[in-house]
Protein backbone atom coordinates (compact mmCIF):
# COMPACT_ATOMS: atom_id res chain seq x y z
CA MET A 1 115.38 51.81 112.42
CA VAL A 2 114.65 54.68 114.50
CA SER A 3 117.54 55.48 117.19
CA HIS A 4 116.26 55.56 120.56
CA GLY A 5 117.19 58.98 121.48
CA ASP A 6 114.69 60.20 118.87
CA LEU A 7 111.70 58.86 121.12
CA MET A 8 109.85 59.96 124.08
CA GLU A 9 110.07 58.32 127.51
CA PRO A 10 107.64 55.49 127.52
CA SER A 11 106.29 57.52 130.90
CA ARG A 12 105.36 60.54 128.62
CA VAL A 13 104.04 57.97 125.73
CA GLU A 14 101.30 56.52 128.68
CA ARG A 15 100.62 60.08 129.97
CA GLY A 16 99.63 60.90 126.51
CA GLN A 17 97.66 58.12 126.07
CA ALA A 18 95.92 58.17 129.21
CA LEU A 19 94.71 61.70 128.62
CA ALA A 20 93.56 61.13 124.80
CA GLN A 21 91.84 57.95 125.95
CA ARG A 22 90.00 59.76 128.51
CA VAL A 23 88.32 61.72 126.17
CA LEU A 24 87.48 58.80 123.57
CA GLU A 25 86.02 56.82 126.17
CA SER A 26 83.79 59.61 127.41
CA LEU A 27 82.80 60.25 123.60
CA GLY A 28 81.85 56.43 123.14
CA GLN A 29 79.65 56.65 126.33
CA ALA A 30 77.61 59.75 124.72
CA ILE A 31 78.07 59.00 121.12
CA LEU A 32 76.84 55.10 120.83
CA GLY A 33 78.45 53.07 117.53
CA ARG A 34 80.59 55.35 115.78
CA GLU A 35 84.10 54.41 116.87
CA ASN A 36 85.87 54.89 114.24
CA VAL A 37 84.62 58.68 113.39
CA LEU A 38 84.53 59.61 116.91
CA ARG A 39 88.59 58.30 116.69
CA LEU A 40 88.82 60.82 113.88
CA VAL A 41 87.41 63.71 115.05
CA LEU A 42 89.52 63.46 118.08
CA VAL A 43 92.70 63.13 115.86
CA ALA A 44 91.94 65.88 113.67
CA PHE A 45 91.13 68.34 117.01
CA LEU A 46 94.69 66.99 118.63
CA GLY A 47 96.39 67.72 114.90
CA ARG A 48 94.94 71.19 114.99
CA GLY A 49 92.99 70.55 111.60
CA HIS A 50 89.45 70.89 110.75
CA ILE A 51 86.86 68.19 109.57
CA LEU A 52 84.22 67.70 107.12
CA LEU A 53 81.37 65.05 107.97
CA GLU A 54 78.79 64.25 105.42
CA GLY A 55 76.03 62.11 105.64
CA LEU A 56 71.91 62.52 105.89
CA PRO A 57 70.43 64.53 108.79
CA GLY A 58 69.64 62.94 112.48
CA LEU A 59 73.15 60.80 112.29
CA GLY A 60 74.48 62.27 115.63
CA LYS A 61 77.08 64.80 113.96
CA THR A 62 75.78 67.83 116.11
CA GLU A 63 75.27 66.22 119.34
CA LEU A 64 79.47 64.43 118.82
CA VAL A 65 80.42 67.86 118.36
CA LYS A 66 79.05 69.40 121.41
CA ASN A 67 79.92 66.19 123.44
CA LEU A 68 83.77 67.16 122.45
CA ALA A 69 83.36 70.59 123.14
CA ARG A 70 81.84 69.76 127.13
CA LEU A 71 84.40 67.22 127.53
CA MET A 72 87.23 69.65 127.34
CA ASN A 73 85.58 72.51 128.94
CA LEU A 74 85.72 74.63 125.61
CA LYS A 75 83.86 77.28 124.87
CA PHE A 76 81.11 75.87 121.42
CA SER A 77 79.34 77.16 118.94
CA ARG A 78 76.93 76.06 116.25
CA ILE A 79 76.46 78.63 113.17
CA GLN A 80 72.91 76.77 110.91
CA PHE A 81 74.36 77.57 107.33
CA THR A 82 70.98 79.38 105.11
CA PRO A 83 71.12 80.34 101.71
CA ASP A 84 70.24 84.01 103.58
CA LEU A 85 73.33 83.57 105.99
CA LEU A 86 75.98 86.11 105.54
CA PRO A 87 79.81 86.75 106.00
CA THR A 88 79.41 89.32 108.57
CA ASP A 89 76.88 86.75 110.64
CA ILE A 90 80.08 84.14 111.00
CA THR A 91 82.80 86.51 111.54
CA GLY A 92 81.20 89.88 112.99
CA THR A 93 80.46 93.33 112.26
CA ASN A 94 81.00 96.79 113.44
CA ILE A 95 78.15 98.28 115.10
CA LEU A 96 77.67 101.97 115.72
CA GLU A 97 77.35 102.57 119.63
CA GLU A 98 76.35 105.60 121.49
CA GLY A 99 79.37 106.08 124.58
CA ASN A 100 80.38 108.46 127.09
CA ASN A 101 82.71 110.25 124.27
CA GLY A 102 79.72 109.72 121.34
CA ARG A 103 78.98 107.56 119.29
CA SER A 104 82.00 105.01 117.73
CA LEU A 105 82.27 101.63 116.15
CA LYS A 106 82.73 98.86 118.19
CA PHE A 107 83.33 95.12 117.30
CA HIS A 108 80.84 92.31 117.63
CA GLU A 109 82.70 89.05 117.80
CA GLY A 110 80.34 86.22 115.45
CA PRO A 111 79.93 82.80 116.86
CA ILE A 112 82.89 81.72 114.60
CA PHE A 113 84.98 83.13 117.79
CA ALA A 114 85.08 79.54 119.63
CA ASN A 115 87.48 77.10 120.19
CA ILE A 116 84.71 74.43 118.61
CA VAL A 117 82.86 76.09 115.86
CA LEU A 118 80.00 73.69 114.10
CA ALA A 119 79.13 74.74 110.91
CA ASP A 120 75.64 72.75 110.61
CA GLU A 121 74.86 71.81 106.69
CA ILE A 122 77.79 74.21 105.33
CA ASN A 123 77.01 73.94 101.36
CA ARG A 124 73.60 75.10 101.99
CA ALA A 125 75.14 78.60 102.43
CA SER A 126 76.24 80.67 99.26
CA PRO A 127 79.57 80.54 97.93
CA LYS A 128 80.42 83.88 99.35
CA THR A 129 79.70 82.81 103.19
CA GLN A 130 81.12 79.31 102.90
CA ALA A 131 84.28 81.77 101.87
CA ALA A 132 84.38 83.82 104.66
CA LEU A 133 84.33 80.33 106.83
CA LEU A 134 87.35 78.93 105.16
CA GLU A 135 88.90 81.65 105.36
CA ALA A 136 88.71 82.23 108.89
CA MET A 137 89.61 78.63 108.95
CA GLN A 138 92.87 78.95 107.22
CA GLU A 139 94.31 82.51 108.94
CA GLY A 140 92.74 81.68 112.21
CA ARG A 141 92.09 85.42 112.38
CA VAL A 142 89.15 87.97 111.06
CA THR A 143 90.17 91.16 109.72
CA THR A 144 87.43 93.68 109.29
CA MET A 145 88.31 97.86 108.32
CA GLY A 146 91.31 96.67 108.56
CA VAL A 147 91.60 95.40 112.24
CA THR A 148 92.49 91.66 112.20
CA TYR A 149 91.36 89.89 115.23
CA ASP A 150 92.34 86.68 116.16
CA LEU A 151 90.49 83.37 117.02
CA PRO A 152 90.84 81.75 120.27
CA GLN A 153 92.84 78.74 120.49
CA PRO A 154 93.01 76.03 120.22
CA PHE A 155 90.58 76.43 117.51
CA LEU A 156 88.36 73.73 115.28
CA VAL A 157 85.93 73.90 112.85
CA LEU A 158 83.69 70.71 112.68
CA ALA A 159 81.57 71.15 109.23
CA THR A 160 78.51 69.08 107.78
CA GLN A 161 77.09 68.60 104.77
CA ASN A 162 74.24 67.17 103.31
CA PRO A 163 74.92 64.69 100.18
CA ILE A 164 75.00 66.64 97.14
CA GLU A 165 72.42 64.86 95.39
CA LEU A 166 69.88 66.57 98.06
CA GLU A 167 67.98 70.24 96.11
CA GLY A 168 69.46 73.45 97.07
CA THR A 169 72.84 73.01 98.10
CA TYR A 170 76.25 74.40 96.99
CA PRO A 171 79.04 72.12 97.22
CA LEU A 172 82.12 73.39 97.91
CA PRO A 173 84.72 74.06 95.25
CA GLU A 174 88.16 71.59 95.62
CA ALA A 175 90.10 74.49 96.62
CA GLN A 176 87.48 74.80 99.84
CA MET A 177 87.68 71.04 100.38
CA ASP A 178 91.38 71.57 100.77
CA ARG A 179 91.25 73.46 103.65
CA PHE A 180 89.76 70.19 105.87
CA MET A 181 92.16 67.62 107.05
CA PHE A 182 89.52 65.09 107.07
CA LYS A 183 86.60 64.17 105.36
CA VAL A 184 84.45 61.74 106.86
CA ASP A 185 81.16 60.25 105.24
CA ILE A 186 78.92 59.27 108.24
CA ALA A 187 76.64 55.81 107.27
CA GLY A 188 73.20 54.81 108.84
CA VAL A 189 73.45 53.30 112.34
CA ASP A 190 73.43 49.75 112.93
CA PRO A 191 70.11 48.56 114.39
CA ARG A 192 71.20 47.25 117.74
CA VAL A 193 72.87 50.66 118.40
CA VAL A 194 69.06 51.88 117.21
CA GLU A 195 68.02 49.77 119.79
CA THR A 196 70.06 50.54 122.53
CA ILE A 197 69.44 54.14 121.49
CA ILE A 198 65.57 54.14 121.90
CA SER A 199 65.74 51.45 125.13
CA THR A 200 68.00 53.58 127.31
CA ARG A 201 67.56 57.67 125.97
CA ARG A 202 64.59 59.20 126.39
CA HIS A 203 64.04 61.11 123.35
CA GLY A 204 67.24 60.01 121.80
CA ARG A 205 69.16 61.93 124.29
CA PRO A 206 72.60 61.13 125.12
CA PRO A 207 73.69 61.63 129.07
CA GLN A 208 75.30 65.35 129.62
CA ALA A 209 79.09 64.84 129.26
CA GLN A 210 81.28 66.17 132.30
CA ALA A 211 84.75 67.88 131.46
CA VAL A 212 87.20 65.12 131.69
CA LEU A 213 90.44 67.51 130.92
CA THR A 214 91.75 70.81 132.37
CA GLU A 215 92.67 73.16 130.36
CA ALA A 216 96.39 72.44 131.74
CA GLU A 217 96.09 68.73 130.74
CA LEU A 218 94.77 69.80 127.36
CA ASN A 219 97.98 72.05 126.60
CA GLU A 220 100.20 69.01 128.14
CA LEU A 221 98.53 66.65 125.44
CA PHE A 222 99.10 69.17 122.45
CA GLY A 223 102.90 69.13 123.42
CA ILE A 224 103.28 65.27 123.67
CA VAL A 225 101.69 64.94 120.31
CA ASP A 226 103.98 67.21 118.85
CA ASP A 227 106.56 64.90 120.14
CA VAL A 228 105.64 61.98 118.76
CA PHE A 229 108.29 60.48 115.94
CA LEU A 230 107.75 60.17 112.41
CA PRO A 231 110.34 58.02 111.13
CA THR A 232 112.10 58.93 107.55
CA GLN A 233 110.62 55.72 106.57
CA VAL A 234 107.34 56.59 106.77
CA SER A 235 107.56 60.25 105.86
CA SER A 236 108.75 58.75 102.52
CA TYR A 237 105.55 56.36 102.20
CA MET A 238 103.08 59.16 102.76
CA ALA A 239 104.84 61.03 100.07
CA ARG A 240 104.67 58.59 97.32
CA LEU A 241 101.09 57.67 98.04
CA VAL A 242 99.90 61.22 97.20
CA ALA A 243 102.52 61.70 94.04
CA ALA A 244 100.79 58.70 92.86
CA THR A 245 97.61 59.68 93.20
CA HIS A 246 98.48 62.18 90.44
CA PRO A 247 97.83 60.35 86.94
CA ASP A 248 100.44 61.74 84.93
CA VAL A 249 103.20 59.96 86.83
CA SER A 250 101.15 57.02 88.64
CA PRO A 251 101.97 53.60 87.96
CA ILE A 252 98.89 52.26 89.12
CA GLU A 253 96.35 51.89 86.19
CA ILE A 254 92.86 52.47 88.37
CA VAL A 255 94.42 56.19 89.01
CA LYS A 256 95.66 56.64 85.24
CA LYS A 257 92.11 56.03 84.49
CA TYR A 258 89.81 57.41 86.63
CA VAL A 259 91.50 60.42 88.32
CA LYS A 260 91.20 63.79 86.81
CA TYR A 261 93.25 65.89 89.50
CA GLY A 262 95.85 64.08 92.34
CA ALA A 263 96.23 65.29 96.17
CA SER A 264 98.29 68.19 96.77
CA PRO A 265 100.77 68.48 98.99
CA ARG A 266 98.40 69.46 102.28
CA ALA A 267 97.01 65.24 101.72
CA ALA A 268 100.83 64.59 102.74
CA ILE A 269 100.86 67.28 105.56
CA ALA A 270 97.52 66.16 107.01
CA MET A 271 98.63 62.46 107.62
CA ALA A 272 101.79 63.24 109.15
CA GLU A 273 99.97 65.25 111.76
CA SER A 274 97.21 62.76 112.46
CA ALA A 275 99.10 60.00 111.87
CA ARG A 276 100.76 61.60 115.04
CA VAL A 277 97.98 61.75 117.11
CA LEU A 278 96.58 57.91 116.38
CA ALA A 279 100.13 56.77 116.86
CA LEU A 280 100.26 58.24 120.93
CA ILE A 281 96.58 56.85 121.14
CA GLU A 282 97.82 53.50 120.43
CA GLY A 283 100.54 54.35 123.27
CA GLN A 284 103.37 54.48 120.53
CA PRO A 285 106.52 57.28 120.75
CA ASN A 286 106.30 56.63 116.68
CA VAL A 287 104.08 57.09 113.58
CA SER A 288 103.53 53.54 112.14
CA PHE A 289 102.58 52.28 108.54
CA ASP A 290 99.27 51.02 110.36
CA ASP A 291 98.51 54.53 111.17
CA VAL A 292 99.17 56.03 107.81
CA ALA A 293 96.72 53.47 106.86
CA PHE A 294 94.09 54.31 108.76
CA VAL A 295 94.26 57.92 108.52
CA ALA A 296 95.00 57.99 104.61
CA PRO A 297 91.42 57.50 103.08
CA SER A 298 90.37 60.49 105.06
CA ALA A 299 93.02 62.46 104.03
CA MET A 300 93.46 62.01 100.76
CA GLY A 301 90.08 61.01 99.47
CA HIS A 302 88.19 64.91 99.24
CA ARG A 303 91.54 65.57 97.86
CA THR A 304 91.58 63.88 94.94
CA VAL A 305 89.35 64.32 92.00
CA LEU A 306 87.90 62.20 89.67
CA ASP A 307 86.54 62.47 86.33
CA TYR A 308 82.89 61.78 85.15
CA SER A 309 83.40 58.05 84.14
CA ALA A 310 84.58 57.57 87.73
CA ARG A 311 80.91 58.53 89.04
CA LEU A 312 79.48 56.18 85.73
CA ASP A 313 81.62 52.63 87.07
CA GLY A 314 80.67 53.25 90.82
CA VAL A 315 84.23 54.44 91.62
CA THR A 316 84.91 56.49 94.26
CA PRO A 317 88.14 58.88 95.93
CA ARG A 318 88.00 56.03 98.54
CA HIS A 319 88.04 53.07 96.39
CA ILE A 320 91.38 54.82 94.94
CA VAL A 321 93.16 56.06 98.23
CA GLU A 322 92.55 52.00 99.21
CA THR A 323 93.86 50.49 95.97
CA LEU A 324 96.85 52.88 97.04
CA LEU A 325 97.56 51.27 100.02
CA LYS A 326 97.45 47.82 98.91
CA GLN A 327 99.48 48.29 95.63
CA ILE A 328 102.08 51.42 96.84
CA PRO A 329 105.03 49.39 98.38
CA GLN A 330 105.43 50.73 102.06
CA LEU A 331 109.45 50.70 101.71
CA GLU A 332 111.75 52.09 99.18
CA ARG A 333 113.97 49.35 98.82
CA ASP A 334 110.37 47.07 97.46
CA LEU A 335 109.82 49.16 94.20
CA PRO A 336 110.67 48.37 91.07
CA SER A 337 114.10 48.71 89.95
CA GLU A 338 113.34 51.16 87.25
CA VAL A 339 111.17 53.15 89.54
CA ARG A 340 114.30 53.79 91.90
CA ARG A 341 116.67 54.64 89.48
CA GLU A 342 114.18 57.13 88.04
CA GLY A 343 113.68 58.67 91.76
């Protein structure tokens, strides 16, 4: 059991929940019929993670990101990825300029120097250009000609990609997919939502969002998220979930049959950080097993590599993770005795 001394004061939890819900409710008014997606995007942002959205064009991905930036009064930029996009088109470059003391090189920041960056159709750019973005995501800075420039904070990259079945795409390698806290598949919109959009929004445009958080309130919210307690029992569960994706040690039959490579430790880190945010949104001072169940498919699925037979049999990474959530005991005491002895 978690001791009371480890938990935040209820008033602080309520304050954090109110701030987060303020953003979530405003997002819901702008983007209709995407409740779970909106929640995952906000969770990734407050958990200081990046997110990859996959879906066909026209499903509201761009509007979602633009509204998230407006609601928190943050600098937003959009990068449209195309096959001819160069790394310097993202990071920026040195340009020779005429000044009072003659010519000199001056660094001009690229569009990545923003708080929230939309990398639109990331899988349409060359691998070299993709790598430039992902390196900046990982390091939080850009280096050119030996000089390092820090990216603004907070910093979120929300990348979109079309399904890899479409022509003219360059799928991200697994090592680069691992840089994203979440990968979320965007499905089609319910007909009733479409009816509401065409009935109430000319040209499908959502209402103009207004800032609902100040800079001080956003920093306060980040601080409260950091203080959400992660019980040992829950962290142990997350570690066992990740371990169970590895076919050489997994006790789960579907994993042994279809998984080629299991999830990396970053999957457990992503679950831990995102589950803290989700707990706060739900008004709880500590992470629960339910929080893990909500974030696990988005945090683990893209880090679990399946073999060719899985595709032939219609098995997806999400199927694997959902099976693990059903079959891996939440508490170590519920493990089979031979597993406990080995541990």
